[in-house]
C-alpha atoms as a PDB file:
ATOM      1  CA  ARG A   1       7.523   2.416  10.008  1.00  0.00           C
ATOM      2  CA  VAL A   2       9.406  -0.673   8.851  1.00  0.00           C
ATOM      3  CA  LEU A   3       8.938   0.250   5.182  1.00  0.00           C
ATOM      4  CA  GLY A   4       8.583   3.970   5.778  1.00  0.00           C
ATOM      5  CA  TYR A   5      11.750   4.754   7.645  1.00  0.00           C
ATOM      6  CA  ASN A   6      14.119   1.834   7.188  1.00  0.00           C
ATOM      7  CA  LEU A   7      14.033   1.790   3.396  1.00  0.00           C
ATOM      8  CA  ILE A   8      14.392   5.536   2.868  1.00  0.00           C
ATOM      9  CA  PHE A   9      16.071   7.204   5.830  1.00  0.00           C
ATOM     10  CA  GLU A  10      18.432   4.501   7.053  1.00  0.00           C
ATOM     11  CA  PRO A  11      20.422   4.137   3.792  1.00  0.00           C
ATOM     12  CA  LEU A  12      20.861   7.924   3.679  1.00  0.00           C
ATOM     13  CA  PHE A  13      22.737   7.773   7.000  1.00  0.00           C
ATOM     14  CA  PHE A  14      25.395   5.679   5.267  1.00  0.00           C
ATOM     15  CA  LEU A  15      25.900   8.521   2.795  1.00  0.00           C
ATOM     16  CA  PHE A  16      25.575  11.577   5.069  1.00  0.00           C
ATOM     17  CA  SER A  17      26.425  12.177   8.706  1.00  0.00           C
ATOM     18  CA  ASN A  18      24.278  15.302   9.067  1.00  0.00           C
ATOM     19  CA  TRP A  19      20.763  14.348  10.158  1.00  0.00           C
ATOM     20  CA  ARG A  20      19.286  17.523   8.639  1.00  0.00           C
ATOM     21  CA  ILE A  21      20.514  16.522   5.177  1.00  0.00           C
ATOM     22  CA  VAL A  22      19.144  13.023   5.722  1.00  0.00           C
ATOM     23  CA  ARG A  23      15.804  14.479   6.832  1.00  0.00           C
ATOM     24  CA  ILE A  24      15.475  16.844   3.859  1.00  0.00           C
ATOM     25  CA  LEU A  25      16.520  14.217   1.290  1.00  0.00           C
ATOM     26  CA  GLY A  26      14.334  11.577   2.961  1.00  0.00           C
ATOM     27  CA  GLN A  27      11.312  13.862   2.840  1.00  0.00           C
ATOM     28  CA  ALA A  28      11.984  14.685  -0.809  1.00  0.00           C
ATOM     29  CA  LEU A  29      12.268  10.985  -1.646  1.00  0.00           C
ATOM     30  CA  TRP A  30       9.007  10.246   0.155  1.00  0.00           C
ATOM     31  CA  TYR A  31       7.250  13.021  -1.765  1.00  0.00           C
ATOM     32  CA  LEU A  32       8.503  11.400  -4.976  1.00  0.00           C
ATOM     33  CA  VAL A  33       7.293   7.974  -3.818  1.00  0.00           C
ATOM     34  CA  LEU A  34       3.851   9.424  -3.030  1.00  0.00           C
ATOM     35  CA  LEU A  35       3.620  11.191  -6.387  1.00  0.00           C
ATOM     36  CA  ALA A  36       4.766   8.036  -8.226  1.00  0.00           C
ATOM     37  CA  SER A  37       2.214   5.890  -6.375  1.00  0.00           C
ATOM     38  CA  ILE A  38      -0.581   8.316  -7.287  1.00  0.00           C
ATOM     39  CA  TRP A  39       0.650   8.287 -10.916  1.00  0.00           C
ATOM     40  CA  TYR A  40       0.549   4.479 -10.990  1.00  0.00           C
ATOM     41  CA  PHE A  41      -2.912   4.317  -9.417  1.00  0.00           C
ATOM     42  CA  CYS A  42      -4.366   6.996 -11.714  1.00  0.00           C
ATOM     43  CA  GLY A  43      -3.005   5.174 -14.749  1.00  0.00           C
ATOM     44  CA  LYS A  44      -4.561   1.868 -13.736  1.00  0.00           C
ATOM     45  CA  ILE A  45      -8.034   3.296 -13.115  1.00  0.00           C
ATOM     46  CA  GLY A  46      -8.073   5.529 -16.183  1.00  0.00           C
ATOM     47  CA  LEU A  47      -7.629   8.901 -14.470  1.00  0.00           C
ATOM     48  CA  ARG A  48      -4.146   9.744 -15.738  1.00  0.00           C
ATOM     49  CA  LYS A  49      -5.378  13.033 -17.259  1.00  0.00           C
ATOM     50  CA  TYR A  50      -6.418  14.168 -13.762  1.00  0.00           C
ATOM     51  CA  TYR A  51      -3.120  13.182 -12.164  1.00  0.00           C
ATOM     52  CA  GLY A  52      -1.883  16.771 -11.781  1.00  0.00           C
ATOM     53  CA  LEU A  53      -5.029  17.819  -9.952  1.00  0.00           C
ATOM     54  CA  ILE A  54      -5.096  14.734  -7.714  1.00  0.00           C
ATOM     55  CA  ALA A  55      -1.368  14.917  -6.881  1.00  0.00           C
ATOM     56  CA  THR A  56      -1.589  18.623  -6.136  1.00  0.00           C
ATOM     57  CA  ALA A  57      -4.463  17.963  -3.747  1.00  0.00           C
ATOM     58  CA  PHE A  58      -2.169  15.781  -1.638  1.00  0.00           C
ATOM     59  CA  ILE A  59       0.773  18.205  -1.610  1.00  0.00           C
ATOM     60  CA  ILE A  60      -1.090  21.425  -0.696  1.00  0.00           C
ATOM     61  CA  PRO A  61      -0.868  22.217   3.038  1.00  0.00           C
ATOM     62  CA  TYR A  62      -4.584  22.567   3.841  1.00  0.00           C
ATOM     63  CA  SER A  63      -4.081  23.228   7.512  1.00  0.00           C
ATOM     64  CA  GLU A  64      -1.400  23.469  10.154  1.00  0.00           C
ATOM     65  CA  GLN A  65      -2.120  19.897  11.256  1.00  0.00           C
ATOM     66  CA  TYR A  66      -1.964  18.516   7.707  1.00  0.00           C
ATOM     67  CA  PHE A  67       1.310  20.328   7.112  1.00  0.00           C
ATOM     68  CA  CYS A  68       2.762  19.175  10.429  1.00  0.00           C
ATOM     69  CA  TYR A  69       1.732  15.490  10.424  1.00  0.00           C
ATOM     70  CA  PHE A  70       1.586  14.704   6.717  1.00  0.00           C
ATOM     71  CA  LEU A  71       3.958  16.987   4.848  1.00  0.00           C
ATOM     72  CA  CYS A  72       6.570  17.867   7.464  1.00  0.00           C
ATOM     73  CA  ASN A  73       6.726  14.782   9.676  1.00  0.00           C
ATOM     74  CA  ILE A  74       5.664  12.503   6.769  1.00  0.00           C
ATOM     75  CA  ASN A  75       3.890  10.244   9.263  1.00  0.00           C
ATOM     76  CA  TYR A  76       1.204   9.167   6.801  1.00  0.00           C
ATOM     77  CA  ILE A  77       2.944   9.375   3.430  1.00  0.00           C
ATOM     78  CA  PRO A  78       4.246   5.762   3.580  1.00  0.00           C
ATOM     79  CA  PHE A  79       0.787   4.449   4.488  1.00  0.00           C
ATOM     80  CA  LEU A  80      -0.942   6.430   1.755  1.00  0.00           C
ATOM     81  CA  SER A  81       1.686   5.441  -0.820  1.00  0.00           C
ATOM     82  CA  ILE A  82       1.240   1.768   0.045  1.00  0.00           C
ATOM     83  CA  SER A  83      -2.533   2.164  -0.327  1.00  0.00           C
ATOM     84  CA  PHE A  84      -2.229   3.753  -3.775  1.00  0.00           C
ATOM     85  CA  ILE A  85       0.253   1.122  -4.956  1.00  0.00           C
ATOM     86  CA  SER A  86      -1.868  -1.743  -3.588  1.00  0.00           C
ATOM     87  CA  MET A  87      -5.029  -0.481  -5.254  1.00  0.00           C
ATOM     88  CA  GLY A  88      -3.148   0.158  -8.501  1.00  0.00           C
ATOM     89  CA  MET A  89      -1.810  -3.409  -8.456  1.00  0.00           C
ATOM     90  CA  MET A  90      -5.320  -4.682  -7.834  1.00  0.00           C
ATOM     91  CA  PHE A  91      -6.646  -2.990 -10.974  1.00  0.00           C
ATOM     92  CA  ASP A  92      -3.533  -3.933 -12.950  1.00  0.00           C
ATOM     93  CA  PHE A  93      -3.970  -7.588 -11.935  1.00  0.00           C
ATOM     94  CA  ALA A  94      -7.677  -7.615 -12.766  1.00  0.00           C
ATOM     95  CA  HIS A  95      -7.230  -6.159 -16.244  1.00  0.00           C
ATOM     96  CA  CYS A  96      -4.117  -8.077 -17.282  1.00  0.00           C
ATOM     97  CA  ASP A  97      -4.318 -11.093 -19.607  1.00  0.00           C
ATOM     98  CA  ARG A  98      -0.684 -12.216 -19.382  1.00  0.00           C
ATOM     99  CA  LYS A  99      -0.206 -15.011 -16.855  1.00  0.00           C
ATOM    100  CA  ARG A 100       3.410 -14.106 -16.093  1.00  0.00           C
ATOM    101  CA  LYS A 101       2.573 -10.480 -15.309  1.00  0.00           C
ATOM    102  CA  ARG A 102      -0.369 -11.560 -13.138  1.00  0.00           C
ATOM    103  CA  THR A 103       1.945 -13.872 -11.183  1.00  0.00           C
ATOM    104  CA  VAL A 104       4.517 -11.087 -10.694  1.00  0.00           C
ATOM    105  CA  LEU A 105       1.809  -8.622  -9.596  1.00  0.00           C
ATOM    106  CA  LEU A 106       0.400 -11.139  -7.128  1.00  0.00           C
ATOM    107  CA  ALA A 107       3.865 -11.805  -5.669  1.00  0.00           C
ATOM    108  CA  LEU A 108       4.807  -8.105  -5.444  1.00  0.00           C
ATOM    109  CA  SER A 109       1.479  -7.214  -3.914  1.00  0.00           C
ATOM    110  CA  GLY A 110       1.944  -9.974  -1.320  1.00  0.00           C
ATOM    111  CA  LEU A 111       5.452  -8.739  -0.462  1.00  0.00           C
ATOM    112  CA  LEU A 112       4.194  -5.170  -0.113  1.00  0.00           C
ATOM    113  CA  ALA A 113       1.322  -6.298   2.107  1.00  0.00           C
ATOM    114  CA  PHE A 114       3.687  -8.361   4.269  1.00  0.00           C
ATOM    115  CA  GLY A 115       6.125  -5.451   4.599  1.00  0.00           C
ATOM    116  CA  ALA A 116       3.267  -3.132   5.530  1.00  0.00           C
ATOM    117  CA  GLY A 117       2.134  -5.633   8.161  1.00  0.00           C
ATOM    118  CA  LEU A 118       5.599  -5.583   9.734  1.00  0.00           C
ATOM    119  CA  GLY A 119       4.886  -1.981  10.713  1.00  0.00           C
ATOM    120  CA  GLY A 120       1.740  -2.830  12.684  1.00  0.00           C
ATOM    121  CA  SER A 121      -1.978  -3.044  12.115  1.00  0.00           C
ATOM    122  CA  ARG A 122      -2.683   0.392  10.609  1.00  0.00           C
ATOM    123  CA  GLN A 123      -2.460  -0.721   6.966  1.00  0.00           C
ATOM    124  CA  LEU A 124      -4.723  -3.658   7.775  1.00  0.00           C
ATOM    125  CA  TYR A 125      -7.501  -1.299   8.915  1.00  0.00           C
ATOM    126  CA  THR A 126      -6.998   1.384   6.281  1.00  0.00           C
ATOM    127  CA  THR A 127      -6.248  -0.686   3.181  1.00  0.00           C
ATOM    128  CA  TYR A 128      -6.233  -4.471   3.180  1.00  0.00           C
ATOM    129  CA  ALA A 129      -9.390  -5.299   5.174  1.00  0.00           C
ATOM    130  CA  PRO A 130     -11.517  -2.656   3.368  1.00  0.00           C
ATOM    131  CA  LEU A 131     -10.157  -3.775  -0.036  1.00  0.00           C
ATOM    132  CA  PHE A 132     -11.000  -7.380   0.732  1.00  0.00           C
ATOM    133  CA  LEU A 133     -14.502  -6.509   1.965  1.00  0.00           C
ATOM    134  CA  ALA A 134     -15.141  -4.358  -1.120  1.00  0.00           C
ATOM    135  CA  ALA A 135     -13.833  -7.089  -3.452  1.00  0.00           C
ATOM    136  CA  ALA A 136     -15.932  -9.739  -1.686  1.00  0.00           C
ATOM    137  CA  ALA A 137     -19.063  -7.574  -1.893  1.00  0.00           C
ATOM    138  CA  TYR A 138     -18.400  -6.864  -5.583  1.00  0.00           C
ATOM    139  CA  PHE A 139     -17.885 -10.553  -6.240  1.00  0.00           C
ATOM    140  CA  LEU A 140     -21.083 -11.535  -4.420  1.00  0.00           C
ATOM    141  CA  LEU A 141     -23.102  -8.901  -6.242  1.00  0.00           C
ATOM    142  CA  LYS A 142     -21.785 -10.022  -9.646  1.00  0.00           C
ATOM    143  CA  GLY A 143     -21.610 -13.780  -9.000  1.00  0.00           C
ATOM    144  CA  THR A 144     -24.229 -16.443  -8.421  1.00  0.00           C
ATOM    145  CA  GLY A 145     -23.020 -18.758  -5.665  1.00  0.00           C
ATOM    146  CA  LEU A 146     -20.641 -21.658  -6.299  1.00  0.00           C
ATOM    147  CA  GLU A 147     -21.515 -21.894  -9.995  1.00  0.00           C
ATOM    148  CA  GLY A 148     -20.734 -18.201 -10.421  1.00  0.00           C
ATOM    149  CA  PHE A 149     -17.443 -18.660  -8.543  1.00  0.00           C
ATOM    150  CA  LEU A 150     -16.349 -21.537 -10.766  1.00  0.00           C
ATOM    151  CA  ALA A 151     -17.394 -19.695 -13.933  1.00  0.00           C
ATOM    152  CA  ALA A 152     -15.634 -16.508 -12.790  1.00  0.00           C
ATOM    153  CA  LYS A 153     -12.500 -18.481 -11.933  1.00  0.00           C
ATOM    154  CA  LYS A 154     -12.486 -20.171 -15.322  1.00  0.00           C
ATOM    155  CA  LYS A 155     -12.723 -16.950 -17.304  1.00  0.00           C
ATOM    156  CA  LYS A 156     -10.675 -14.901 -14.754  1.00  0.00           C
ATOM    157  CA  SER A 157     -13.332 -12.224 -14.542  1.00  0.00           C
ATOM    158  CA  GLU A 158     -12.681  -8.822 -13.011  1.00  0.00           C
ATOM    159  CA  GLU A 159     -14.622  -9.641  -9.846  1.00  0.00           C
ATOM    160  CA  TYR A 160     -12.739 -12.926  -9.379  1.00  0.00           C
ATOM    161  CA  SER A 161      -9.383 -11.219  -9.951  1.00  0.00           C
ATOM    162  CA  PHE A 162     -10.202  -8.468  -7.454  1.00  0.00           C
ATOM    163  CA  LEU A 163     -11.159 -11.093  -4.875  1.00  0.00           C
ATOM    164  CA  VAL A 164      -7.969 -13.130  -5.417  1.00  0.00           C
ATOM    165  CA  ILE A 165      -5.528 -10.243  -5.092  1.00  0.00           C
ATOM    166  CA  ALA A 166      -7.463  -8.650  -2.218  1.00  0.00           C
ATOM    167  CA  ALA A 167      -7.527 -11.955  -0.310  1.00  0.00           C
ATOM    168  CA  SER A 168      -3.809 -12.406  -0.962  1.00  0.00           C
ATOM    169  CA  GLY A 169      -3.085  -8.903   0.329  1.00  0.00           C
ATOM    170  CA  LEU A 170      -5.161  -9.515   3.445  1.00  0.00           C
ATOM    171  CA  VAL A 171      -3.446 -12.838   4.218  1.00  0.00           C
ATOM    172  CA  PHE A 172       0.084 -11.480   3.666  1.00  0.00           C
ATOM    173  CA  ASN A 173      -0.650  -8.331   5.660  1.00  0.00           C
ATOM    174  CA  LEU A 174      -1.963 -10.412   8.548  1.00  0.00           C
ATOM    175  CA  ALA A 175       1.185 -12.561   8.347  1.00  0.00           C
ATOM    176  CA  GLY A 176       3.364  -9.440   8.534  1.00  0.00           C
ATOM    177  CA  TYR A 177       1.337  -8.146  11.465  1.00  0.00           C
ATOM    178  CA  LEU A 178       1.747 -11.508  13.218  1.00  0.00           C
ATOM    179  CA  VAL A 179       5.542 -11.188  12.842  1.00  0.00           C
ATOM    180  CA  ASN A 180       5.290  -7.612  14.150  1.00  0.00           C
ATOM    181  CA  ASN A 181       3.189  -8.591  17.135  1.00  0.00           C
ATOM    182  CA  THR A 182       5.165 -11.658  18.155  1.00  0.00           C
ATOM    183  CA  LEU A 183       8.782 -11.441  16.967  1.00  0.00           C
ATOM    184  CA  LEU A 184       9.447  -7.702  16.507  1.00  0.00           C
ATOM    185  CA  ALA A 185       7.533  -6.720  19.646  1.00  0.00           C
ATOM    186  CA  SER A 186       9.726  -9.039  21.716  1.00  0.00           C
ATOM    187  CA  ILE A 187      12.957  -7.599  20.264  1.00  0.00           C
ATOM    188  CA  TYR A 188      12.141  -3.875  20.008  1.00  0.00           C
ATOM    189  CA  ASP A 189      10.260  -1.498  22.273  1.00  0.00           C
ATOM    190  CA  PHE A 190       8.131   0.535  19.863  1.00  0.00           C
ATOM    191  CA  ARG A 191       4.804   0.657  21.683  1.00  0.00           C
ATOM    192  CA  SER A 192       5.727   3.652  23.805  1.00  0.00           C
ATOM    193  CA  TYR A 193       7.065   7.140  23.250  1.00  0.00           C
ATOM    194  CA  ASP A 194       8.937   6.932  26.578  1.00  0.00           C
ATOM    195  CA  THR A 195      11.988   5.032  25.326  1.00  0.00           C
END
């Protein structure tokens, strides 16, 4: 919610006083963010030619519940967008040879993970912990103990790069969640629908 609502809807209230206009424009902007995140992810994994099909699959209202919770209320669009962007950055980082770009990707991915953690633990369970576990399993399957780790680090192999950026995302997301659970929870009441 920290990234989802504050970055999109709140600035619109400075431009418009009608909440319906803010809602419609905010939803449209979130649809664009989702479509852009899918575009980025598809490009990084080599599925750009299937982008239209994949994007359409996320925009079609399959059921009343999907329409209500995903498309109308946009409850899950921020989370899904963050997941696509995070995974796209992971592949971008792993297949990039330029040190400066790798550093920027690592920093941006850490900021995104931290911001996602400020909204609670959901992104931790749905994105950052599974990505880290998958990267660790991939690394262990491809590597050979400490010697494999050192060799992979030296040549910046794909499995090493996946592990580095996934571990960074996990650590920064946990840090954001810690801020959410300690600082934000003491200032704001967001654990209940009653207030």
